[in-house]
C-alpha atoms as a PDB file:
ATOM      1  CA  MET A   1       1.393  -0.951 -10.331  1.00  0.00           C
ATOM      2  CA  THR A   2       4.342  -2.516  -8.531  1.00  0.00           C
ATOM      3  CA  THR A   3       4.991  -2.195  -4.819  1.00  0.00           C
ATOM      4  CA  LEU A   4       7.988   0.020  -4.063  1.00  0.00           C
ATOM      5  CA  PRO A   5      10.614  -1.461  -1.725  1.00  0.00           C
ATOM      6  CA  LEU A   6      10.604   0.616   1.465  1.00  0.00           C
ATOM      7  CA  ARG A   7      13.849   2.308   2.493  1.00  0.00           C
ATOM      8  CA  PRO A   8      14.643   5.215   4.844  1.00  0.00           C
ATOM      9  CA  GLY A   9      14.058   8.594   3.201  1.00  0.00           C
ATOM     10  CA  LEU A  10      11.662   7.254   0.558  1.00  0.00           C
ATOM     11  CA  ARG A  11       8.878   9.743  -0.176  1.00  0.00           C
ATOM     12  CA  LEU A  12       5.446   8.368  -1.049  1.00  0.00           C
ATOM     13  CA  ARG A  13       2.101   9.911  -1.912  1.00  0.00           C
ATOM     14  CA  SER A  14      -1.451   8.643  -1.919  1.00  0.00           C
ATOM     15  CA  ARG A  15      -3.403   8.151  -5.114  1.00  0.00           C
ATOM     16  CA  THR A  16      -6.739   8.656  -3.298  1.00  0.00           C
ATOM     17  CA  CYS A  17      -6.142  11.857  -1.309  1.00  0.00           C
ATOM     18  CA  THR A  18      -3.502  14.492  -0.528  1.00  0.00           C
ATOM     19  CA  THR A  19      -1.518  12.336   1.949  1.00  0.00           C
ATOM     20  CA  GLU A  20       2.267  12.310   1.574  1.00  0.00           C
ATOM     21  CA  VAL A  21       4.711  10.473   3.853  1.00  0.00           C
ATOM     22  CA  VAL A  22       8.446   9.844   4.295  1.00  0.00           C
ATOM     23  CA  VAL A  23       9.718   6.435   5.438  1.00  0.00           C
ATOM     24  CA  ILE A  24      11.706   6.790   8.674  1.00  0.00           C
ATOM     25  CA  ARG A  25      12.170   3.054   9.344  1.00  0.00           C
ATOM     26  CA  PRO A  26      11.231   0.521   6.631  1.00  0.00           C
ATOM     27  CA  GLY A  27      10.148  -2.221   9.042  1.00  0.00           C
ATOM     28  CA  THR A  28      10.014  -5.953   8.557  1.00  0.00           C
ATOM     29  CA  GLY A  29       6.344  -6.304   7.643  1.00  0.00           C
ATOM     30  CA  THR A  30       5.187  -7.641   4.328  1.00  0.00           C
ATOM     31  CA  GLY A  31       2.527  -6.359   2.025  1.00  0.00           C
ATOM     32  CA  ALA A  32       1.823  -3.142   0.204  1.00  0.00           C
ATOM     33  CA  LEU A  33       1.817   0.212   1.948  1.00  0.00           C
ATOM     34  CA  GLU A  34      -1.585   1.660   1.124  1.00  0.00           C
ATOM     35  CA  CYS A  35      -3.551   4.829   1.694  1.00  0.00           C
ATOM     36  CA  GLY A  36      -7.300   4.656   1.202  1.00  0.00           C
ATOM     37  CA  GLY A  37      -7.000   1.030   0.115  1.00  0.00           C
ATOM     38  CA  VAL A  38      -4.770   1.824  -2.882  1.00  0.00           C
ATOM     39  CA  PRO A  39      -0.968   1.282  -2.968  1.00  0.00           C
ATOM     40  CA  MET A  40       1.041   4.457  -2.415  1.00  0.00           C
ATOM     41  CA  THR A  41       3.272   5.716  -5.209  1.00  0.00           C
ATOM     42  CA  SER A  42       6.315   7.882  -5.810  1.00  0.00           C
ATOM     43  CA  PRO A  43       5.652  11.655  -5.867  1.00  0.00           C
ATOM     44  CA  ASP A  44       7.013  11.669  -9.453  1.00  0.00           C
ATOM     45  CA  ASP A  45       4.556   9.013 -10.645  1.00  0.00           C
ATOM     46  CA  ASP A  46       1.930  10.408 -13.001  1.00  0.00           C
ATOM     47  CA  GLN A  47      -0.527   7.540 -12.465  1.00  0.00           C
ATOM     48  CA  PRO A  48      -4.146   8.685 -12.434  1.00  0.00           C
ATOM     49  CA  ALA A  49      -5.758   9.010  -9.039  1.00  0.00           C
ATOM     50  CA  ALA A  50      -8.034   6.237  -7.851  1.00  0.00           C
ATOM     51  CA  ALA A  51     -11.466   6.817  -6.371  1.00  0.00           C
ATOM     52  CA  PRO A  52     -11.349   8.372  -2.884  1.00  0.00           C
ATOM     53  CA  PRO A  53     -12.069   6.111   0.093  1.00  0.00           C
ATOM     54  CA  ALA A  54     -15.711   5.773   1.037  1.00  0.00           C
ATOM     55  CA  THR A  55     -15.048   5.523   4.784  1.00  0.00           C
ATOM     56  CA  GLY A  56     -15.224   8.420   7.201  1.00  0.00           C
ATOM     57  CA  ALA A  57     -11.662   7.871   8.406  1.00  0.00           C
ATOM     58  CA  ASP A  58     -10.032  10.186  10.938  1.00  0.00           C
ATOM     59  CA  GLY A  59      -7.418  11.038   8.359  1.00  0.00           C
ATOM     60  CA  VAL A  60      -3.646  11.243   8.348  1.00  0.00           C
ATOM     61  CA  GLN A  61      -2.337  14.157  10.413  1.00  0.00           C
ATOM     62  CA  LEU A  62       0.532  16.435   9.406  1.00  0.00           C
ATOM     63  CA  GLY A  63       3.720  15.935  11.445  1.00  0.00           C
ATOM     64  CA  LYS A  64       2.544  12.714  13.104  1.00  0.00           C
ATOM     65  CA  ARG A  65       4.530   9.481  12.973  1.00  0.00           C
ATOM     66  CA  TYR A  66       2.663   6.318  12.031  1.00  0.00           C
ATOM     67  CA  THR A  67       3.729   2.791  12.931  1.00  0.00           C
ATOM     68  CA  ASP A  68       2.645  -0.804  12.428  1.00  0.00           C
ATOM     69  CA  PRO A  69       1.596  -3.085  15.343  1.00  0.00           C
ATOM     70  CA  THR A  70       5.175  -4.445  15.685  1.00  0.00           C
ATOM     71  CA  HIS A  71       6.630  -0.894  15.809  1.00  0.00           C
ATOM     72  CA  THR A  72       9.244  -1.721  13.158  1.00  0.00           C
ATOM     73  CA  LEU A  73       7.775   0.445  10.378  1.00  0.00           C
ATOM     74  CA  GLU A  74       7.684   4.198  10.943  1.00  0.00           C
ATOM     75  CA  LEU A  75       6.354   6.882   8.594  1.00  0.00           C
ATOM     76  CA  LEU A  76       6.286  10.668   9.000  1.00  0.00           C
ATOM     77  CA  CYS A  77       3.325  12.490   7.482  1.00  0.00           C
ATOM     78  CA  THR A  78       4.529  15.489   5.427  1.00  0.00           C
ATOM     79  CA  LYS A  79       1.132  16.356   3.932  1.00  0.00           C
ATOM     80  CA  ALA A  80      -2.188  15.567   5.616  1.00  0.00           C
ATOM     81  CA  GLY A  81      -4.989  13.698   3.897  1.00  0.00           C
ATOM     82  CA  ALA A  82      -8.051  11.503   4.321  1.00  0.00           C
ATOM     83  CA  GLY A  83      -6.171   8.187   4.729  1.00  0.00           C
ATOM     84  CA  PRO A  84      -6.238   5.642   6.271  1.00  0.00           C
ATOM     85  CA  LEU A  85      -2.691   4.220   6.099  1.00  0.00           C
ATOM     86  CA  THR A  86      -2.362   0.420   6.056  1.00  0.00           C
ATOM     87  CA  LEU A  87       0.412  -2.132   5.552  1.00  0.00           C
ATOM     88  CA  GLY A  88      -0.793  -5.385   4.045  1.00  0.00           C
ATOM     89  CA  GLY A  89      -4.333  -4.551   5.172  1.00  0.00           C
ATOM     90  CA  THR A  90      -3.309  -3.835   8.795  1.00  0.00           C
ATOM     91  CA  PRO A  91      -4.049  -0.232   9.898  1.00  0.00           C
ATOM     92  CA  LEU A  92      -1.129   1.938  10.990  1.00  0.00           C
ATOM     93  CA  THR A  93      -1.532   3.960  14.179  1.00  0.00           C
ATOM     94  CA  VAL A  94      -0.103   7.237  15.449  1.00  0.00           C
ATOM     95  CA  ARG A  95       3.070   6.589  17.397  1.00  0.00           C
ATOM     96  CA  ALA A  96       2.861   7.846  20.976  1.00  0.00           C
ATOM     97  CA  ALA A  97       5.358  10.475  22.091  1.00  0.00           C
ATOM     98  CA  LYS A  98       8.313   9.271  24.141  1.00  0.00           C
ATOM     99  CA  GLN A  99       8.291  10.167  27.814  1.00  0.00           C
ATOM    100  CA  LEU A 100      11.029  12.582  28.779  1.00  0.00           C
ATOM    101  CA  PRO A 101      13.017  11.847  31.925  1.00  0.00           C
ATOM    102  CA  ALA A 102      12.025  13.758  35.035  1.00  0.00           C
ATOM    103  CA  SER A 103      14.242  16.722  35.824  1.00  0.00           C
ATOM    104  CA  ASP A 104      13.967  16.690  39.610  1.00  0.00           C
END
């Protein structure tokens, strides 16, 4: 399995659970984008599913944006799953909502 180059609009799915994401910003990080410890694949890929993760992860939440520690990579979850999402072994976290300006 080869690692897909990340680009905006790229759709990816997990091979270990139901998670599906869309790349919003490809980031500058190196390493494979993984879900459940297995590299993510194209939705068209007919590769057999790997064993599900053994951890009791919080899961990937529908509609949430996930980012790396440098905040250069950004993914949008389009289908929830068990997760977790990682980039080169580093866990991705839910991106906090931006504060709106006060309307005083």
